[in-house]
Amino acid sequence: MADNKPTLHHLNNSQSQRILWLLEELGIEYNLVTHIRNPPSHPTAPFRSPPSLQATGPYGKAPVLITGAADGNRYITESSAIATYLIRTFDKEDKFGLKNGDWIRDEMLVSIISTGLSKATTILLMLDFGMLRNGSGPGGKNFDGPEMRNILKELNRELKDGPSGGYLMGKEPGRADIMLEFPMTSIKQRGSVDLANEFPELDAWLQRVYERPAWKRALGKAFDGVYDITTFPKGPHL
């Protein structure tokens, strides 16, 4: 009999953790395949995706979702695309509001998170890895905190002034909340910004996420509950 359950390929300490959270929020059956990053001692690709994940298809990095047989076992990459597929396919009660909720707000926030905020956190990681250097001159330090703080200020305002309930989309997390988890976890764990003092609404939001039963279930599904973004090197630029 064909397997109609989606399959998530999940890499330790990676953005695929938020897709695992989404699967638990949806309350559906799924298959989980885990992969361990290359060790820091790897000669050419430390901390990168292992051969087992690269063998799943051309993308070769987490998250990767293989749909069930009913959807042709399609190979889907990128967190936002995976989240959209899962919600449109399995959210029969419209818990995430993509059918009858404020989908324009959701799309706008997902775009901010997927472009501006993800770009800023990626640049910080590249600085930490020594792949980029801040330059001299009046704009030389803009790679560090200024751009990230501007985006966080906007997201903090959206939490304060947006729908009441504690999440970006109201009383329950939306697709935007799912997408926001990984960059916020990275910022919090790596100390890129003092969230509690500078952006208290975002800090409280992250704590609410961590207290959700679905988040706790997702965390316990793999890697003995370890989800540690501090494993990557940290440079002196901050």
Protein backbone atom coordinates (compact mmCIF):
# COMPACT_ATOMS: atom_id res chain seq x y z
CA MET A 1 0.00 0.00 0.00
CA ALA A 2 1.31 3.45 -0.92
CA ASP A 3 2.56 5.61 1.93
CA ASN A 4 0.65 8.89 1.92
CA LYS A 5 2.46 10.34 4.92
CA PRO A 6 4.92 13.19 4.27
CA THR A 7 8.56 12.53 5.12
CA LEU A 8 10.74 15.21 6.71
CA HIS A 9 14.52 15.01 6.36
CA HIS A 10 15.71 16.75 9.51
CA LEU A 11 19.25 17.98 10.25
CA ASN A 12 20.44 18.51 13.79
CA ASN A 13 20.73 22.11 15.03
CA SER A 14 19.10 23.50 11.92
CA GLN A 15 16.11 25.39 10.59
CA SER A 16 14.31 22.10 9.92
CA GLN A 17 13.40 22.11 13.63
CA ARG A 18 10.63 24.62 12.89
CA ILE A 19 9.13 22.29 10.27
CA LEU A 20 9.14 19.47 12.80
CA TRP A 21 7.29 21.84 15.16
CA LEU A 22 4.75 22.59 12.42
CA LEU A 23 4.14 18.89 11.81
CA GLU A 24 3.39 18.44 15.51
CA GLU A 25 1.08 21.47 15.54
CA LEU A 26 -0.84 19.96 12.63
CA GLY A 27 -1.22 16.71 14.53
CA ILE A 28 -0.73 14.49 11.48
CA GLU A 29 1.18 11.29 10.90
CA TYR A 30 4.56 11.73 9.21
CA ASN A 31 7.86 9.98 8.66
CA LEU A 32 11.04 11.44 10.14
CA VAL A 33 14.55 10.84 8.80
CA THR A 34 17.38 12.41 10.78
CA HIS A 35 20.84 13.48 9.63
CA ILE A 36 23.92 14.61 11.60
CA ARG A 37 26.05 17.53 10.43
CA ASN A 38 29.62 17.02 9.34
CA PRO A 39 31.96 17.41 12.35
CA PRO A 40 33.98 20.63 12.77
CA SER A 41 37.08 18.59 11.87
CA HIS A 42 35.75 17.84 8.38
CA PRO A 43 38.51 18.86 5.91
CA THR A 44 36.31 20.65 3.35
CA ALA A 45 32.78 21.09 4.72
CA PRO A 46 32.72 21.48 8.52
CA PHE A 47 29.23 21.80 10.01
CA ARG A 48 27.65 21.30 6.57
CA SER A 49 25.11 18.70 5.44
CA PRO A 50 26.36 15.09 5.41
CA PRO A 51 26.34 12.86 2.31
CA SER A 52 23.13 11.17 3.49
CA LEU A 53 21.20 14.44 3.23
CA GLN A 54 22.87 15.47 -0.02
CA ALA A 55 21.76 12.13 -1.48
CA THR A 56 18.08 13.03 -1.05
CA GLY A 57 18.15 15.23 -4.14
CA PRO A 58 19.69 18.29 -5.78
CA TYR A 59 19.06 20.66 -2.86
CA GLY A 60 21.04 18.59 -0.40
CA LYS A 61 20.37 20.55 2.78
CA ALA A 62 17.64 20.68 5.40
CA PRO A 63 14.77 20.91 5.45
CA VAL A 64 13.64 18.57 2.69
CA LEU A 65 10.10 17.25 2.57
CA ILE A 66 8.94 14.35 0.42
CA THR A 67 5.18 14.46 0.00
CA GLY A 68 3.05 11.37 0.30
CA ALA A 69 2.28 9.16 -2.67
CA ALA A 70 -1.04 10.93 -3.24
CA ASP A 71 0.93 14.05 -4.23
CA GLY A 72 3.43 12.10 -6.29
CA ASN A 73 6.19 11.88 -3.66
CA ARG A 74 7.27 15.37 -4.64
CA TYR A 75 10.57 16.76 -3.40
CA ILE A 76 10.04 20.14 -1.68
CA THR A 77 12.77 22.43 -0.39
CA GLU A 78 12.88 25.76 1.48
CA SER A 79 11.12 26.21 4.80
CA SER A 80 8.46 28.65 3.58
CA ALA A 81 7.47 26.42 0.65
CA ILE A 82 7.33 23.35 2.91
CA ALA A 83 5.28 25.19 5.54
CA THR A 84 2.85 26.46 2.91
CA TYR A 85 2.40 22.98 1.42
CA LEU A 86 1.82 21.35 4.80
CA ILE A 87 -0.69 23.97 5.95
CA ARG A 88 -2.64 24.02 2.68
CA THR A 89 -2.72 20.23 2.54
CA PHE A 90 -3.34 19.24 6.15
CA ASP A 91 -4.81 22.23 8.02
CA LYS A 92 -8.41 21.18 7.51
CA GLU A 93 -9.69 23.39 10.36
CA ASP A 94 -7.81 26.47 9.07
CA LYS A 95 -5.94 26.78 12.37
CA PHE A 96 -3.19 28.70 10.58
CA GLY A 97 -5.60 31.03 8.81
CA LEU A 98 -4.34 30.69 5.24
CA LYS A 99 -7.92 30.25 3.96
CA ASN A 100 -10.04 32.61 6.04
CA GLY A 101 -7.50 34.51 8.13
CA ASP A 102 -5.47 37.61 7.33
CA TRP A 103 -3.33 35.92 4.70
CA ILE A 104 -1.96 39.27 3.46
CA ARG A 105 -0.48 40.01 6.89
CA ASP A 106 0.87 36.47 7.08
CA GLU A 107 2.49 36.74 3.64
CA MET A 108 4.00 40.14 4.45
CA LEU A 109 5.52 38.91 7.71
CA VAL A 110 6.81 35.69 6.15
CA SER A 111 8.50 37.79 3.47
CA ILE A 112 10.17 40.04 6.06
CA ILE A 113 11.39 37.03 8.02
CA SER A 114 12.52 35.04 4.98
CA THR A 115 14.41 37.91 3.36
CA GLY A 116 15.56 40.69 5.69
CA LEU A 117 15.87 38.82 8.99
CA SER A 118 17.27 35.61 7.51
CA LYS A 119 19.79 37.63 5.50
CA ALA A 120 20.93 39.49 8.62
CA THR A 121 21.36 36.32 10.71
CA THR A 122 23.17 34.58 7.83
CA ILE A 123 25.59 37.50 7.53
CA LEU A 124 26.35 37.25 11.24
CA LEU A 125 27.10 33.54 10.87
CA MET A 126 29.37 34.27 7.90
CA LEU A 127 31.22 36.86 9.98
CA ASP A 128 31.57 34.29 12.75
CA PHE A 129 32.97 31.75 10.29
CA GLY A 130 35.42 34.33 8.93
CA MET A 131 33.80 34.18 5.50
CA LEU A 132 33.07 37.93 5.63
CA ARG A 133 34.81 40.88 7.24
CA ASN A 134 33.43 44.25 8.25
CA GLY A 135 34.99 47.02 6.24
CA SER A 136 36.30 50.47 7.09
CA GLY A 137 34.47 53.70 6.42
CA PRO A 138 31.09 55.04 7.58
CA GLY A 139 29.15 51.91 6.56
CA GLY A 140 31.81 49.41 7.56
CA LYS A 141 30.08 48.12 10.67
CA ASN A 142 26.60 47.76 9.21
CA PHE A 143 27.05 44.02 8.78
CA ASP A 144 26.88 43.52 12.53
CA GLY A 145 23.86 44.62 14.54
CA PRO A 146 22.23 47.71 12.95
CA GLU A 147 20.33 46.02 10.12
CA MET A 148 19.19 43.19 12.37
CA ARG A 149 17.97 45.59 15.04
CA ASN A 150 15.95 47.55 12.51
CA ILE A 151 14.12 44.40 11.43
CA LEU A 152 13.62 43.22 15.01
CA LYS A 153 12.19 46.64 15.88
CA GLU A 154 9.55 46.20 13.17
CA LEU A 155 8.68 42.66 14.26
CA ASN A 156 8.51 43.76 17.90
CA ARG A 157 6.07 46.50 16.85
CA GLU A 158 3.98 43.97 14.90
CA LEU A 159 3.66 41.88 18.07
CA LYS A 160 2.68 44.90 20.17
CA ASP A 161 0.26 46.50 17.73
CA GLY A 162 -0.97 43.45 15.81
CA PRO A 163 -3.78 41.02 16.67
CA SER A 164 -4.05 40.27 20.39
CA GLY A 165 -3.20 36.82 21.66
CA GLY A 166 0.58 36.67 21.91
CA TYR A 167 1.53 35.51 18.42
CA LEU A 168 2.13 37.37 15.18
CA MET A 169 -1.17 36.08 13.83
CA GLY A 170 -3.21 36.28 17.04
CA LYS A 171 -4.13 33.70 19.64
CA GLU A 172 -2.54 30.82 17.72
CA PRO A 173 0.70 30.67 15.75
CA GLY A 174 0.47 31.30 12.03
CA ARG A 175 2.86 30.43 9.25
CA ALA A 176 4.78 33.61 10.09
CA ASP A 177 5.32 32.42 13.66
CA ILE A 178 6.64 29.08 12.39
CA MET A 179 9.11 30.86 10.13
CA LEU A 180 10.24 33.27 12.85
CA GLU A 181 11.30 30.55 15.30
CA PHE A 182 14.68 29.63 13.81
CA PRO A 183 16.16 33.13 13.38
CA MET A 184 14.92 34.10 16.85
CA THR A 185 16.40 30.97 18.42
CA SER A 186 19.69 31.71 16.68
CA ILE A 187 19.69 35.34 17.89
CA LYS A 188 18.75 34.33 21.44
CA GLN A 189 21.17 31.44 21.84
CA ARG A 190 24.11 33.21 20.23
CA GLY A 191 23.55 36.45 22.11
CA SER A 192 23.45 38.49 18.92
CA VAL A 193 21.00 40.86 20.62
CA ASP A 194 19.87 41.21 24.24
CA LEU A 195 16.27 40.28 23.47
CA ALA A 196 14.94 40.55 27.01
CA ASN A 197 16.03 44.18 27.35
CA GLU A 198 15.88 45.48 23.78
CA PHE A 199 12.89 43.60 22.37
CA PRO A 200 10.85 42.22 25.27
CA GLU A 201 7.80 41.36 23.16
CA LEU A 202 9.89 39.14 20.90
CA ASP A 203 11.59 37.56 23.88
CA ALA A 204 8.22 36.76 25.48
CA TRP A 205 6.98 35.43 22.13
CA LEU A 206 9.90 32.99 21.93
CA GLN A 207 9.23 31.73 25.45
CA ARG A 208 5.58 31.12 24.53
CA VAL A 209 6.72 29.06 21.56
CA TYR A 210 8.98 26.95 23.78
CA GLU A 211 6.10 26.28 26.18
CA ARG A 212 3.76 24.93 23.52
CA PRO A 213 3.08 21.19 23.83
CA ALA A 214 3.68 20.73 20.09
CA TRP A 215 7.11 22.39 20.40
CA LYS A 216 8.05 20.14 23.29
CA ARG A 217 6.95 17.05 21.37
CA ALA A 218 8.95 18.15 18.33
CA LEU A 219 12.05 18.78 20.43
CA GLY A 220 11.82 15.30 21.91
CA LYS A 221 11.54 13.54 18.54
CA ALA A 222 15.25 13.55 17.67
CA PHE A 223 18.82 14.13 18.87
CA ASP A 224 17.91 13.59 22.55
CA GLY A 225 16.18 16.97 22.60
CA VAL A 226 19.39 18.89 21.80
CA TYR A 227 18.85 22.00 19.67
CA ASP A 228 21.99 24.12 20.04
CA ILE A 229 22.87 26.91 17.62
CA THR A 230 25.88 27.87 19.75
CA THR A 231 27.79 24.89 18.34
CA PHE A 232 28.87 27.09 15.43
CA PRO A 233 31.92 29.30 15.98
CA LYS A 234 31.45 32.86 17.17
CA GLY A 235 33.72 35.67 16.06
CA PRO A 236 34.81 38.85 17.87
CA HIS A 237 32.83 41.25 15.66
CA LEU A 238 29.94 41.62 18.10
